[in-house]
Amino acid sequence: MEKRKIGKSDLYCSSIGFGTWEMSSTMYGDIDIKEITRAVHTAIDYGINLFDTAEVYGPFHSEKILNKALGEKRKDVIIVDKVGFAYDDEKREISGEFGGVLGRCSEYSHIIKRTEGCLSRLNTDFIDLMLIHWPDFNTSLDEPMKALEKLKQDGKIRYGGVSNFNIEMMDYCLKYTDIVANQVGYHMFDQRMDKSIIPYCQEKNIGFMGYGTLGYGLLTNSFNVETVFPDNDWRKWKGGDCFWLPLFKKEYFERELIVGDRLNELAREFNKTLPQLAMAWALRKKSVSVALVGMRDENELKQNIEATQWQLSEEIILKIEQIFKEENCPTFLDYPMALND
């Protein structure tokens, strides 16, 4: 398994990381906990050493599952976690159930408190890389950055970083602490990061972590024009919008399906699958530290690992670009970066 360095840190991670958003069971339909646990164990056996989670996944559910699945192997992996949301804790205390997400909160004391909760749920003394999940427009950015610096000094985290922050925000954050990574959505149907964020991160030696590598399912051959998402799937209840892009709105969705079919044919020419092509594309630039992929069972996992061995030629990359042009399917290169989920 290829290892890549994350920015200024001394963390060397597998080129694909195990994304746990799908573990939440609340945003991607039903899941099989036993299958996930087996996938985590197999991932480690095959050399995947980066596991990405967040307290809001579930919420809290993904962290707990990851803790159980890792067990004693915690010492062998890199855990990336994210904080920056407020929760309705009062309802949880009364009913015994989680009350819901109230919104973003990156106040200094809040980041410190929420990190303690992450450490407890993950049953670990420290988190390798803690990210501020989304920018909080009601709090000055110096507060979460000072909190990350304090957490580093106290040994609660090894490194700090951000997620979904634009260039201006990163510039400001660097005045208060070293941010070693920025985690942002990046896949064939959303190439916004190629224009500015990835070059900036490369210039500043900030690791770029791409999530949504398989286009939230668009690059998996899982959908057709008759696809109906369940009510508890975020691709339905967000009305087709996806991080400021209309990826799941009917007009765009149908074009994306056609592109997906053609990309699948291209992958088959090399005895590969569409997801493997998508991952190889996301990793074609060495400035990408890691591509995050959800892996809910062993079959998905093994396909993902095989993709890391495929180095796309310039000819294949040009063919991909041509397919998008011929089908008039946008890559949204010039669209503004999403600052809201």
C-alpha atoms as a PDB file:
ATOM      1  CA  MET A   1       0.000   0.000   0.000  1.00  0.00           C
ATOM      2  CA  GLU A   2       1.422   3.365  -1.048  1.00  0.00           C
ATOM      3  CA  LYS A   3       2.013   5.811   1.810  1.00  0.00           C
ATOM      4  CA  ARG A   4       1.779   9.588   1.455  1.00  0.00           C
ATOM      5  CA  LYS A   5       2.824  12.299   3.906  1.00  0.00           C
ATOM      6  CA  ILE A   6       0.184  14.628   5.350  1.00  0.00           C
ATOM      7  CA  GLY A   7       1.484  18.171   5.013  1.00  0.00           C
ATOM      8  CA  LYS A   8       4.010  19.327   7.614  1.00  0.00           C
ATOM      9  CA  SER A   9       3.234  16.426   9.941  1.00  0.00           C
ATOM     10  CA  ASP A  10       5.173  13.223  10.428  1.00  0.00           C
ATOM     11  CA  LEU A  11       2.041  11.223   9.585  1.00  0.00           C
ATOM     12  CA  TYR A  12       2.446   8.851   6.644  1.00  0.00           C
ATOM     13  CA  CYS A  13      -0.940   7.536   5.625  1.00  0.00           C
ATOM     14  CA  SER A  14      -2.186   4.984   3.136  1.00  0.00           C
ATOM     15  CA  SER A  15      -3.178   6.683  -0.114  1.00  0.00           C
ATOM     16  CA  ILE A  16      -6.778   5.636   0.470  1.00  0.00           C
ATOM     17  CA  GLY A  17      -8.363   6.216   3.835  1.00  0.00           C
ATOM     18  CA  PHE A  18     -11.282   4.439   5.459  1.00  0.00           C
ATOM     19  CA  GLY A  19     -14.153   6.936   5.617  1.00  0.00           C
ATOM     20  CA  THR A  20     -16.735   6.263   8.329  1.00  0.00           C
ATOM     21  CA  TRP A  21     -19.527   8.670   7.362  1.00  0.00           C
ATOM     22  CA  GLU A  22     -21.505   5.691   6.086  1.00  0.00           C
ATOM     23  CA  MET A  23     -21.176   4.034   9.497  1.00  0.00           C
ATOM     24  CA  SER A  24     -23.517   6.628  10.970  1.00  0.00           C
ATOM     25  CA  SER A  25     -26.608   4.594   9.920  1.00  0.00           C
ATOM     26  CA  THR A  26     -28.615   7.830   9.792  1.00  0.00           C
ATOM     27  CA  MET A  27     -27.561   9.369   6.484  1.00  0.00           C
ATOM     28  CA  TYR A  28     -26.892   6.493   4.104  1.00  0.00           C
ATOM     29  CA  GLY A  29     -29.763   4.150   4.856  1.00  0.00           C
ATOM     30  CA  ASP A  30     -29.373   0.882   6.726  1.00  0.00           C
ATOM     31  CA  ILE A  31     -25.959  -0.637   7.454  1.00  0.00           C
ATOM     32  CA  ASP A  32     -24.614  -3.983   8.651  1.00  0.00           C
ATOM     33  CA  ILE A  33     -22.460  -3.452  11.748  1.00  0.00           C
ATOM     34  CA  LYS A  34     -20.832  -6.879  11.521  1.00  0.00           C
ATOM     35  CA  GLU A  35     -19.835  -6.277   7.904  1.00  0.00           C
ATOM     36  CA  ILE A  36     -18.302  -2.934   8.839  1.00  0.00           C
ATOM     37  CA  THR A  37     -16.281  -4.494  11.642  1.00  0.00           C
ATOM     38  CA  ARG A  38     -14.934  -7.158   9.299  1.00  0.00           C
ATOM     39  CA  ALA A  39     -14.090  -4.469   6.746  1.00  0.00           C
ATOM     40  CA  VAL A  40     -12.129  -2.480   9.347  1.00  0.00           C
ATOM     41  CA  HIS A  41     -10.099  -5.545  10.319  1.00  0.00           C
ATOM     42  CA  THR A  42      -9.426  -6.463   6.696  1.00  0.00           C
ATOM     43  CA  ALA A  43      -8.458  -2.871   5.866  1.00  0.00           C
ATOM     44  CA  ILE A  44      -5.740  -2.918   8.498  1.00  0.00           C
ATOM     45  CA  ASP A  45      -4.518  -6.308   7.283  1.00  0.00           C
ATOM     46  CA  TYR A  46      -4.186  -4.884   3.758  1.00  0.00           C
ATOM     47  CA  GLY A  47      -2.243  -1.821   4.884  1.00  0.00           C
ATOM     48  CA  ILE A  48      -4.884   0.886   5.240  1.00  0.00           C
ATOM     49  CA  ASN A  49      -3.810   2.891   8.271  1.00  0.00           C
ATOM     50  CA  LEU A  50      -5.964   6.050   8.168  1.00  0.00           C
ATOM     51  CA  PHE A  51      -9.486   6.046   9.573  1.00  0.00           C
ATOM     52  CA  ASP A  52     -11.554   9.209   9.262  1.00  0.00           C
ATOM     53  CA  THR A  53     -14.512   9.944  11.521  1.00  0.00           C
ATOM     54  CA  ALA A  54     -16.400  12.842  13.130  1.00  0.00           C
ATOM     55  CA  GLU A  55     -18.544  13.277  16.207  1.00  0.00           C
ATOM     56  CA  VAL A  56     -21.444  14.446  14.030  1.00  0.00           C
ATOM     57  CA  TYR A  57     -21.485  11.145  12.109  1.00  0.00           C
ATOM     58  CA  GLY A  58     -24.403   9.412  13.734  1.00  0.00           C
ATOM     59  CA  PRO A  59     -23.983  11.592  15.740  1.00  0.00           C
ATOM     60  CA  PHE A  60     -21.368   9.850  17.890  1.00  0.00           C
ATOM     61  CA  HIS A  61     -22.255   6.458  16.400  1.00  0.00           C
ATOM     62  CA  SER A  62     -19.353   6.170  13.960  1.00  0.00           C
ATOM     63  CA  GLU A  63     -16.769   6.933  16.639  1.00  0.00           C
ATOM     64  CA  LYS A  64     -18.180   4.217  18.877  1.00  0.00           C
ATOM     65  CA  ILE A  65     -18.252   1.617  16.098  1.00  0.00           C
ATOM     66  CA  LEU A  66     -14.718   2.512  15.055  1.00  0.00           C
ATOM     67  CA  ASN A  67     -13.513   2.111  18.635  1.00  0.00           C
ATOM     68  CA  LYS A  68     -15.048  -1.360  18.897  1.00  0.00           C
ATOM     69  CA  ALA A  69     -13.723  -2.422  15.509  1.00  0.00           C
ATOM     70  CA  LEU A  70     -10.169  -1.208  16.081  1.00  0.00           C
ATOM     71  CA  GLY A  71      -9.666  -2.640  19.545  1.00  0.00           C
ATOM     72  CA  GLU A  72      -5.991  -3.158  20.313  1.00  0.00           C
ATOM     73  CA  LYS A  73      -5.060  -2.194  16.745  1.00  0.00           C
ATOM     74  CA  ARG A  74      -5.645   1.463  17.639  1.00  0.00           C
ATOM     75  CA  LYS A  75      -1.893   1.861  18.145  1.00  0.00           C
ATOM     76  CA  ASP A  76      -1.244   0.867  14.524  1.00  0.00           C
ATOM     77  CA  VAL A  77      -3.485   3.425  12.820  1.00  0.00           C
ATOM     78  CA  ILE A  78      -3.988   7.145  12.266  1.00  0.00           C
ATOM     79  CA  ILE A  79      -7.319   8.458  13.529  1.00  0.00           C
ATOM     80  CA  VAL A  80      -8.657  11.654  11.980  1.00  0.00           C
ATOM     81  CA  ASP A  81     -11.608  13.165  13.844  1.00  0.00           C
ATOM     82  CA  LYS A  82     -13.668  16.326  13.428  1.00  0.00           C
ATOM     83  CA  VAL A  83     -15.491  18.654  15.817  1.00  0.00           C
ATOM     84  CA  GLY A  84     -17.346  21.936  15.463  1.00  0.00           C
ATOM     85  CA  PHE A  85     -21.072  21.295  15.974  1.00  0.00           C
ATOM     86  CA  ALA A  86     -23.405  21.931  18.907  1.00  0.00           C
ATOM     87  CA  TYR A  87     -25.981  19.380  20.045  1.00  0.00           C
ATOM     88  CA  ASP A  88     -29.258  19.263  21.911  1.00  0.00           C
ATOM     89  CA  ASP A  89     -27.825  17.494  24.954  1.00  0.00           C
ATOM     90  CA  GLU A  90     -30.775  18.356  27.201  1.00  0.00           C
ATOM     91  CA  LYS A  91     -33.205  16.234  25.217  1.00  0.00           C
ATOM     92  CA  ARG A  92     -30.745  13.356  25.297  1.00  0.00           C
ATOM     93  CA  GLU A  93     -30.539  13.537  29.100  1.00  0.00           C
ATOM     94  CA  ILE A  94     -34.314  13.460  29.475  1.00  0.00           C
ATOM     95  CA  SER A  95     -35.269  10.847  26.887  1.00  0.00           C
ATOM     96  CA  GLY A  96     -32.084   8.829  26.680  1.00  0.00           C
ATOM     97  CA  GLU A  97     -31.908   9.593  22.977  1.00  0.00           C
ATOM     98  CA  PHE A  98     -29.894  12.078  20.982  1.00  0.00           C
ATOM     99  CA  GLY A  99     -31.680  15.374  20.528  1.00  0.00           C
ATOM    100  CA  GLY A 100     -30.153  16.540  17.270  1.00  0.00           C
ATOM    101  CA  VAL A 101     -27.630  18.917  15.776  1.00  0.00           C
ATOM    102  CA  LEU A 102     -28.249  22.562  16.655  1.00  0.00           C
ATOM    103  CA  GLY A 103     -25.676  24.070  14.321  1.00  0.00           C
ATOM    104  CA  ARG A 104     -22.013  24.906  14.078  1.00  0.00           C
ATOM    105  CA  CYS A 105     -20.022  26.029  17.084  1.00  0.00           C
ATOM    106  CA  SER A 106     -16.260  26.561  17.100  1.00  0.00           C
ATOM    107  CA  GLU A 107     -15.875  28.542  20.302  1.00  0.00           C
ATOM    108  CA  TYR A 108     -12.653  27.836  22.182  1.00  0.00           C
ATOM    109  CA  SER A 109     -14.267  26.140  25.196  1.00  0.00           C
ATOM    110  CA  HIS A 110     -16.640  24.164  22.986  1.00  0.00           C
ATOM    111  CA  ILE A 111     -13.816  22.670  20.885  1.00  0.00           C
ATOM    112  CA  ILE A 112     -11.966  21.660  24.048  1.00  0.00           C
ATOM    113  CA  LYS A 113     -15.089  20.051  25.533  1.00  0.00           C
ATOM    114  CA  ARG A 114     -16.135  18.208  22.371  1.00  0.00           C
ATOM    115  CA  THR A 115     -12.631  16.822  21.884  1.00  0.00           C
ATOM    116  CA  GLU A 116     -12.815  15.266  25.346  1.00  0.00           C
ATOM    117  CA  GLY A 117     -15.988  13.509  24.232  1.00  0.00           C
ATOM    118  CA  CYS A 118     -14.275  12.214  21.102  1.00  0.00           C
ATOM    119  CA  LEU A 119     -11.395  10.826  23.159  1.00  0.00           C
ATOM    120  CA  SER A 120     -13.865   9.026  25.413  1.00  0.00           C
ATOM    121  CA  ARG A 121     -15.924   7.480  22.600  1.00  0.00           C
ATOM    122  CA  LEU A 122     -12.789   6.373  20.754  1.00  0.00           C
ATOM    123  CA  ASN A 123     -11.249   5.119  24.004  1.00  0.00           C
ATOM    124  CA  THR A 124      -7.910   6.701  23.168  1.00  0.00           C
ATOM    125  CA  ASP A 125      -5.485   9.033  24.952  1.00  0.00           C
ATOM    126  CA  PHE A 126      -4.940  11.179  21.882  1.00  0.00           C
ATOM    127  CA  ILE A 127      -6.262  11.806  18.381  1.00  0.00           C
ATOM    128  CA  ASP A 128      -3.678  11.908  15.618  1.00  0.00           C
ATOM    129  CA  LEU A 129      -5.325  14.663  13.590  1.00  0.00           C
ATOM    130  CA  MET A 130      -8.246  16.791  14.758  1.00  0.00           C
ATOM    131  CA  LEU A 131     -10.046  18.953  12.199  1.00  0.00           C
ATOM    132  CA  ILE A 132     -12.513  21.805  12.588  1.00  0.00           C
ATOM    133  CA  HIS A 133     -15.342  20.317  10.539  1.00  0.00           C
ATOM    134  CA  TRP A 134     -16.877  23.443   8.970  1.00  0.00           C
ATOM    135  CA  PRO A 135     -16.277  27.181   9.356  1.00  0.00           C
ATOM    136  CA  ASP A 136     -18.443  28.735  12.066  1.00  0.00           C
ATOM    137  CA  PHE A 137     -19.490  32.175  10.832  1.00  0.00           C
ATOM    138  CA  ASN A 138     -20.545  33.289  14.317  1.00  0.00           C
ATOM    139  CA  THR A 139     -17.131  32.727  15.895  1.00  0.00           C
ATOM    140  CA  SER A 140     -13.784  34.298  15.076  1.00  0.00           C
ATOM    141  CA  LEU A 141     -11.452  31.748  13.494  1.00  0.00           C
ATOM    142  CA  ASP A 142      -8.750  32.432  16.069  1.00  0.00           C
ATOM    143  CA  GLU A 143     -10.831  30.656  18.741  1.00  0.00           C
ATOM    144  CA  PRO A 144     -10.818  27.139  17.226  1.00  0.00           C
ATOM    145  CA  MET A 145      -7.194  27.588  16.162  1.00  0.00           C
ATOM    146  CA  LYS A 146      -6.154  28.514  19.703  1.00  0.00           C
ATOM    147  CA  ALA A 147      -8.136  25.527  20.953  1.00  0.00           C
ATOM    148  CA  LEU A 148      -6.267  23.194  18.594  1.00  0.00           C
ATOM    149  CA  GLU A 149      -2.972  24.663  19.798  1.00  0.00           C
ATOM    150  CA  LYS A 150      -3.977  24.075  23.430  1.00  0.00           C
ATOM    151  CA  LEU A 151      -5.036  20.499  22.682  1.00  0.00           C
ATOM    152  CA  LYS A 152      -1.647  19.855  21.073  1.00  0.00           C
ATOM    153  CA  GLN A 153       0.180  21.286  24.071  1.00  0.00           C
ATOM    154  CA  ASP A 154      -1.852  19.066  26.401  1.00  0.00           C
ATOM    155  CA  GLY A 155      -1.155  15.954  24.331  1.00  0.00           C
ATOM    156  CA  LYS A 156      -4.835  15.421  23.482  1.00  0.00           C
ATOM    157  CA  ILE A 157      -4.151  15.688  19.743  1.00  0.00           C
ATOM    158  CA  ARG A 158      -0.968  15.346  17.724  1.00  0.00           C
ATOM    159  CA  TYR A 159      -1.906  17.729  14.920  1.00  0.00           C
ATOM    160  CA  GLY A 160      -4.681  20.128  14.009  1.00  0.00           C
ATOM    161  CA  GLY A 161      -6.301  21.020  10.727  1.00  0.00           C
ATOM    162  CA  VAL A 162      -9.484  22.144   9.028  1.00  0.00           C
ATOM    163  CA  SER A 163     -12.201  20.832   6.762  1.00  0.00           C
ATOM    164  CA  ASN A 164     -14.139  22.757   4.105  1.00  0.00           C
ATOM    165  CA  PHE A 165     -12.124  25.964   4.626  1.00  0.00           C
ATOM    166  CA  ASN A 166     -11.338  28.281   1.727  1.00  0.00           C
ATOM    167  CA  ILE A 167      -8.004  29.991   1.033  1.00  0.00           C
ATOM    168  CA  GLU A 168      -8.800  33.198   2.917  1.00  0.00           C
ATOM    169  CA  MET A 169      -9.788  31.197   5.985  1.00  0.00           C
ATOM    170  CA  MET A 170      -6.653  29.062   5.860  1.00  0.00           C
ATOM    171  CA  ASP A 171      -4.491  32.177   5.535  1.00  0.00           C
ATOM    172  CA  TYR A 172      -6.075  33.558   8.696  1.00  0.00           C
ATOM    173  CA  CYS A 173      -5.769  30.273  10.593  1.00  0.00           C
ATOM    174  CA  LEU A 174      -2.056  30.010   9.857  1.00  0.00           C
ATOM    175  CA  LYS A 175      -1.482  33.132  11.971  1.00  0.00           C
ATOM    176  CA  TYR A 176      -2.450  31.138  15.065  1.00  0.00           C
ATOM    177  CA  THR A 177      -1.354  27.553  14.490  1.00  0.00           C
ATOM    178  CA  ASP A 178       0.052  25.193  11.904  1.00  0.00           C
ATOM    179  CA  ILE A 179      -2.779  23.486  10.058  1.00  0.00           C
ATOM    180  CA  VAL A 180      -1.408  20.318   8.531  1.00  0.00           C
ATOM    181  CA  ALA A 181      -4.470  19.347   6.479  1.00  0.00           C
ATOM    182  CA  ASN A 182      -7.656  20.564   4.823  1.00  0.00           C
ATOM    183  CA  GLN A 183     -10.323  17.956   4.088  1.00  0.00           C
ATOM    184  CA  VAL A 184     -12.646  18.871   1.223  1.00  0.00           C
ATOM    185  CA  GLY A 185     -14.986  17.084  -1.199  1.00  0.00           C
ATOM    186  CA  TYR A 186     -13.218  16.017  -4.389  1.00  0.00           C
ATOM    187  CA  HIS A 187     -14.302  13.691  -7.185  1.00  0.00           C
ATOM    188  CA  MET A 188     -14.829  13.662 -10.962  1.00  0.00           C
ATOM    189  CA  PHE A 189     -18.199  15.405 -10.746  1.00  0.00           C
ATOM    190  CA  ASP A 190     -16.817  18.087  -8.410  1.00  0.00           C
ATOM    191  CA  GLN A 191     -13.442  19.396  -9.564  1.00  0.00           C
ATOM    192  CA  ARG A 192     -13.608  22.790  -7.849  1.00  0.00           C
ATOM    193  CA  MET A 193     -10.554  22.041  -5.713  1.00  0.00           C
ATOM    194  CA  ASP A 194      -8.281  21.683  -8.740  1.00  0.00           C
ATOM    195  CA  LYS A 195      -8.476  25.395  -9.472  1.00  0.00           C
ATOM    196  CA  SER A 196      -7.270  26.897  -6.200  1.00  0.00           C
ATOM    197  CA  ILE A 197      -7.448  24.816  -3.010  1.00  0.00           C
ATOM    198  CA  ILE A 198      -5.124  21.990  -4.084  1.00  0.00           C
ATOM    199  CA  PRO A 199      -2.473  24.370  -5.525  1.00  0.00           C
ATOM    200  CA  TYR A 200      -2.659  26.502  -2.360  1.00  0.00           C
ATOM    201  CA  CYS A 201      -2.278  23.477  -0.090  1.00  0.00           C
ATOM    202  CA  GLN A 202       0.691  22.309  -2.124  1.00  0.00           C
ATOM    203  CA  GLU A 203       2.330  25.745  -1.876  1.00  0.00           C
ATOM    204  CA  LYS A 204       1.805  25.967   1.907  1.00  0.00           C
ATOM    205  CA  ASN A 205       2.674  22.297   2.559  1.00  0.00           C
ATOM    206  CA  ILE A 206      -0.824  21.570   3.845  1.00  0.00           C
ATOM    207  CA  GLY A 207      -2.072  18.054   3.249  1.00  0.00           C
ATOM    208  CA  PHE A 208      -5.136  17.789   1.007  1.00  0.00           C
ATOM    209  CA  MET A 209      -7.606  15.104   2.057  1.00  0.00           C
ATOM    210  CA  GLY A 210     -10.344  14.405  -0.473  1.00  0.00           C
ATOM    211  CA  TYR A 211     -13.707  13.046   0.639  1.00  0.00           C
ATOM    212  CA  GLY A 212     -16.615  11.857  -1.494  1.00  0.00           C
ATOM    213  CA  THR A 213     -14.149  10.123  -3.821  1.00  0.00           C
ATOM    214  CA  LEU A 214     -16.885   8.004  -5.392  1.00  0.00           C
ATOM    215  CA  GLY A 215     -19.191  10.967  -5.909  1.00  0.00           C
ATOM    216  CA  TYR A 216     -21.528   9.876  -3.098  1.00  0.00           C
ATOM    217  CA  GLY A 217     -22.416   6.807  -5.153  1.00  0.00           C
ATOM    218  CA  LEU A 218     -22.463   8.410  -8.607  1.00  0.00           C
ATOM    219  CA  LEU A 219     -19.216   6.626  -9.478  1.00  0.00           C
ATOM    220  CA  THR A 220     -20.228   3.161  -8.287  1.00  0.00           C
ATOM    221  CA  ASN A 221     -22.694   1.925 -10.936  1.00  0.00           C
ATOM    222  CA  SER A 222     -25.300   1.693  -8.184  1.00  0.00           C
ATOM    223  CA  PHE A 223     -27.955   4.010  -9.625  1.00  0.00           C
ATOM    224  CA  ASN A 224     -30.255   4.261 -12.632  1.00  0.00           C
ATOM    225  CA  VAL A 225     -33.035   6.628 -13.721  1.00  0.00           C
ATOM    226  CA  GLU A 226     -35.498   4.695 -11.551  1.00  0.00           C
ATOM    227  CA  THR A 227     -33.427   5.039  -8.371  1.00  0.00           C
ATOM    228  CA  VAL A 228     -35.374   6.324  -5.366  1.00  0.00           C
ATOM    229  CA  PHE A 229     -33.377   7.102  -2.235  1.00  0.00           C
ATOM    230  CA  PRO A 230     -34.897   6.128   1.138  1.00  0.00           C
ATOM    231  CA  ASP A 231     -36.233   8.854   3.406  1.00  0.00           C
ATOM    232  CA  ASN A 232     -33.261   8.592   5.782  1.00  0.00           C
ATOM    233  CA  ASP A 233     -30.733   9.106   2.975  1.00  0.00           C
ATOM    234  CA  TRP A 234     -29.280  12.634   2.788  1.00  0.00           C
ATOM    235  CA  ARG A 235     -29.265  12.537  -1.017  1.00  0.00           C
ATOM    236  CA  LYS A 236     -33.060  12.646  -0.846  1.00  0.00           C
ATOM    237  CA  TRP A 237     -33.795  15.012   2.007  1.00  0.00           C
ATOM    238  CA  LYS A 238     -31.407  17.673   0.768  1.00  0.00           C
ATOM    239  CA  GLY A 239     -33.548  17.999  -2.370  1.00  0.00           C
ATOM    240  CA  GLY A 240     -30.808  16.878  -4.711  1.00  0.00           C
ATOM    241  CA  ASP A 241     -28.302  19.504  -3.625  1.00  0.00           C
ATOM    242  CA  CYS A 242     -24.859  18.287  -2.691  1.00  0.00           C
ATOM    243  CA  PHE A 243     -22.398  20.749  -1.154  1.00  0.00           C
ATOM    244  CA  TRP A 244     -23.710  23.652  -3.254  1.00  0.00           C
ATOM    245  CA  LEU A 245     -23.930  21.537  -6.414  1.00  0.00           C
ATOM    246  CA  PRO A 246     -27.125  20.108  -7.995  1.00  0.00           C
ATOM    247  CA  LEU A 247     -25.667  16.615  -8.393  1.00  0.00           C
ATOM    248  CA  PHE A 248     -28.826  14.720  -7.491  1.00  0.00           C
ATOM    249  CA  LYS A 249     -31.345  16.959  -9.207  1.00  0.00           C
ATOM    250  CA  LYS A 250     -33.028  15.159 -12.101  1.00  0.00           C
ATOM    251  CA  GLU A 251     -31.490  17.141 -14.989  1.00  0.00           C
ATOM    252  CA  TYR A 252     -27.932  16.667 -13.759  1.00  0.00           C
ATOM    253  CA  PHE A 253     -28.433  13.204 -12.300  1.00  0.00           C
ATOM    254  CA  GLU A 254     -29.496  11.740 -15.647  1.00  0.00           C
ATOM    255  CA  ARG A 255     -26.457  13.206 -17.424  1.00  0.00           C
ATOM    256  CA  GLU A 256     -24.187  11.906 -14.693  1.00  0.00           C
ATOM    257  CA  LEU A 257     -25.614   8.412 -15.131  1.00  0.00           C
ATOM    258  CA  ILE A 258     -24.720   8.500 -18.830  1.00  0.00           C
ATOM    259  CA  VAL A 259     -21.205   9.688 -18.025  1.00  0.00           C
ATOM    260  CA  GLY A 260     -20.933   6.963 -15.404  1.00  0.00           C
ATOM    261  CA  ASP A 261     -21.860   4.304 -17.960  1.00  0.00           C
ATOM    262  CA  ARG A 262     -19.213   5.561 -20.366  1.00  0.00           C
ATOM    263  CA  LEU A 263     -16.590   5.784 -17.639  1.00  0.00           C
ATOM    264  CA  ASN A 264     -17.445   2.229 -16.665  1.00  0.00           C
ATOM    265  CA  GLU A 265     -16.827   1.106 -20.249  1.00  0.00           C
ATOM    266  CA  LEU A 266     -13.470   2.884 -20.164  1.00  0.00           C
ATOM    267  CA  ALA A 267     -12.519   1.152 -16.920  1.00  0.00           C
ATOM    268  CA  ARG A 268     -13.475  -2.247 -18.344  1.00  0.00           C
ATOM    269  CA  GLU A 269     -10.976  -1.747 -21.171  1.00  0.00           C
ATOM    270  CA  PHE A 270      -8.316  -2.080 -18.471  1.00  0.00           C
ATOM    271  CA  ASN A 271     -10.098  -4.852 -16.568  1.00  0.00           C
ATOM    272  CA  LYS A 272     -11.006  -2.387 -13.828  1.00  0.00           C
ATOM    273  CA  THR A 273     -14.246  -1.142 -12.269  1.00  0.00           C
ATOM    274  CA  LEU A 274     -15.776   2.323 -12.253  1.00  0.00           C
ATOM    275  CA  PRO A 275     -14.996   2.875  -8.535  1.00  0.00           C
ATOM    276  CA  GLN A 276     -11.387   1.904  -9.190  1.00  0.00           C
ATOM    277  CA  LEU A 277     -11.191   4.431 -12.015  1.00  0.00           C
ATOM    278  CA  ALA A 278     -12.667   7.095  -9.729  1.00  0.00           C
ATOM    279  CA  MET A 279     -10.113   6.411  -7.001  1.00  0.00           C
ATOM    280  CA  ALA A 280      -7.191   6.308  -9.413  1.00  0.00           C
ATOM    281  CA  TRP A 281      -8.352   9.648 -10.817  1.00  0.00           C
ATOM    282  CA  ALA A 282      -8.552  11.230  -7.350  1.00  0.00           C
ATOM    283  CA  LEU A 283      -5.019  10.027  -6.551  1.00  0.00           C
ATOM    284  CA  ARG A 284      -3.462  11.030  -9.862  1.00  0.00           C
ATOM    285  CA  LYS A 285      -1.916  14.089  -8.189  1.00  0.00           C
ATOM    286  CA  LYS A 286       0.748  13.497  -5.542  1.00  0.00           C
ATOM    287  CA  SER A 287      -0.430  16.714  -3.875  1.00  0.00           C
ATOM    288  CA  VAL A 288      -3.482  14.732  -2.723  1.00  0.00           C
ATOM    289  CA  SER A 289      -2.450  13.137   0.572  1.00  0.00           C
ATOM    290  CA  VAL A 290      -5.344  10.712   0.792  1.00  0.00           C
ATOM    291  CA  ALA A 291      -8.629   9.869  -0.916  1.00  0.00           C
ATOM    292  CA  LEU A 292     -11.322   8.885   1.564  1.00  0.00           C
ATOM    293  CA  VAL A 293     -13.705   6.104   0.630  1.00  0.00           C
ATOM    294  CA  GLY A 294     -16.562   4.509   2.529  1.00  0.00           C
ATOM    295  CA  MET A 295     -16.126   0.758   2.883  1.00  0.00           C
ATOM    296  CA  ARG A 296     -19.109  -1.043   4.311  1.00  0.00           C
ATOM    297  CA  ASP A 297     -18.042  -4.593   3.440  1.00  0.00           C
ATOM    298  CA  GLU A 298     -14.986  -6.634   2.478  1.00  0.00           C
ATOM    299  CA  ASN A 299     -15.806  -6.725  -1.240  1.00  0.00           C
ATOM    300  CA  GLU A 300     -15.819  -2.916  -1.489  1.00  0.00           C
ATOM    301  CA  LEU A 301     -12.616  -2.804   0.504  1.00  0.00           C
ATOM    302  CA  LYS A 302     -10.658  -5.179  -1.736  1.00  0.00           C
ATOM    303  CA  GLN A 303     -11.712  -3.310  -4.883  1.00  0.00           C
ATOM    304  CA  ASN A 304     -10.571  -0.056  -3.309  1.00  0.00           C
ATOM    305  CA  ILE A 305      -7.160  -1.462  -2.459  1.00  0.00           C
ATOM    306  CA  GLU A 306      -6.623  -2.729  -6.006  1.00  0.00           C
ATOM    307  CA  ALA A 307      -7.267   0.797  -7.309  1.00  0.00           C
ATOM    308  CA  THR A 308      -4.169   2.135  -5.558  1.00  0.00           C
ATOM    309  CA  GLN A 309      -1.987   0.132  -7.952  1.00  0.00           C
ATOM    310  CA  TRP A 310      -3.421   1.852 -11.035  1.00  0.00           C
ATOM    311  CA  GLN A 311      -1.478   4.873 -12.268  1.00  0.00           C
ATOM    312  CA  LEU A 312      -3.600   6.672 -14.853  1.00  0.00           C
ATOM    313  CA  SER A 313      -1.814   7.635 -18.051  1.00  0.00           C
ATOM    314  CA  GLU A 314      -2.259  11.069 -19.604  1.00  0.00           C
ATOM    315  CA  GLU A 315      -4.209   9.370 -22.387  1.00  0.00           C
ATOM    316  CA  ILE A 316      -6.779   7.976 -19.948  1.00  0.00           C
ATOM    317  CA  ILE A 317      -7.126  11.322 -18.189  1.00  0.00           C
ATOM    318  CA  LEU A 318      -7.786  13.024 -21.530  1.00  0.00           C
ATOM    319  CA  LYS A 319     -10.392  10.376 -22.412  1.00  0.00           C
ATOM    320  CA  ILE A 320     -12.189  11.101 -19.151  1.00  0.00           C
ATOM    321  CA  GLU A 321     -12.239  14.821 -19.921  1.00  0.00           C
ATOM    322  CA  GLN A 322     -13.567  14.115 -23.409  1.00  0.00           C
ATOM    323  CA  ILE A 323     -16.443  12.016 -22.070  1.00  0.00           C
ATOM    324  CA  PHE A 324     -17.577  14.881 -19.847  1.00  0.00           C
ATOM    325  CA  LYS A 325     -17.417  17.316 -22.773  1.00  0.00           C
ATOM    326  CA  GLU A 326     -19.304  15.060 -25.179  1.00  0.00           C
ATOM    327  CA  GLU A 327     -22.126  14.513 -22.681  1.00  0.00           C
ATOM    328  CA  ASN A 328     -22.227  18.194 -21.691  1.00  0.00           C
ATOM    329  CA  CYS A 329     -21.767  17.166 -18.076  1.00  0.00           C
ATOM    330  CA  PRO A 330     -20.280  19.886 -15.843  1.00  0.00           C
ATOM    331  CA  THR A 331     -17.347  19.364 -13.496  1.00  0.00           C
ATOM    332  CA  PHE A 332     -18.108  22.698 -11.771  1.00  0.00           C
ATOM    333  CA  LEU A 333     -14.451  23.763 -11.903  1.00  0.00           C
ATOM    334  CA  ASP A 334     -15.358  27.457 -11.724  1.00  0.00           C
ATOM    335  CA  TYR A 335     -18.090  27.155  -9.098  1.00  0.00           C
ATOM    336  CA  PRO A 336     -17.533  28.646  -5.617  1.00  0.00           C
ATOM    337  CA  MET A 337     -16.415  26.331  -2.866  1.00  0.00           C
ATOM    338  CA  ALA A 338     -19.146  25.095  -0.528  1.00  0.00           C
ATOM    339  CA  LEU A 339     -18.940  26.745   2.879  1.00  0.00           C
ATOM    340  CA  ASN A 340     -22.188  25.164   4.060  1.00  0.00           C
ATOM    341  CA  ASP A 341     -23.036  21.454   4.046  1.00  0.00           C
END
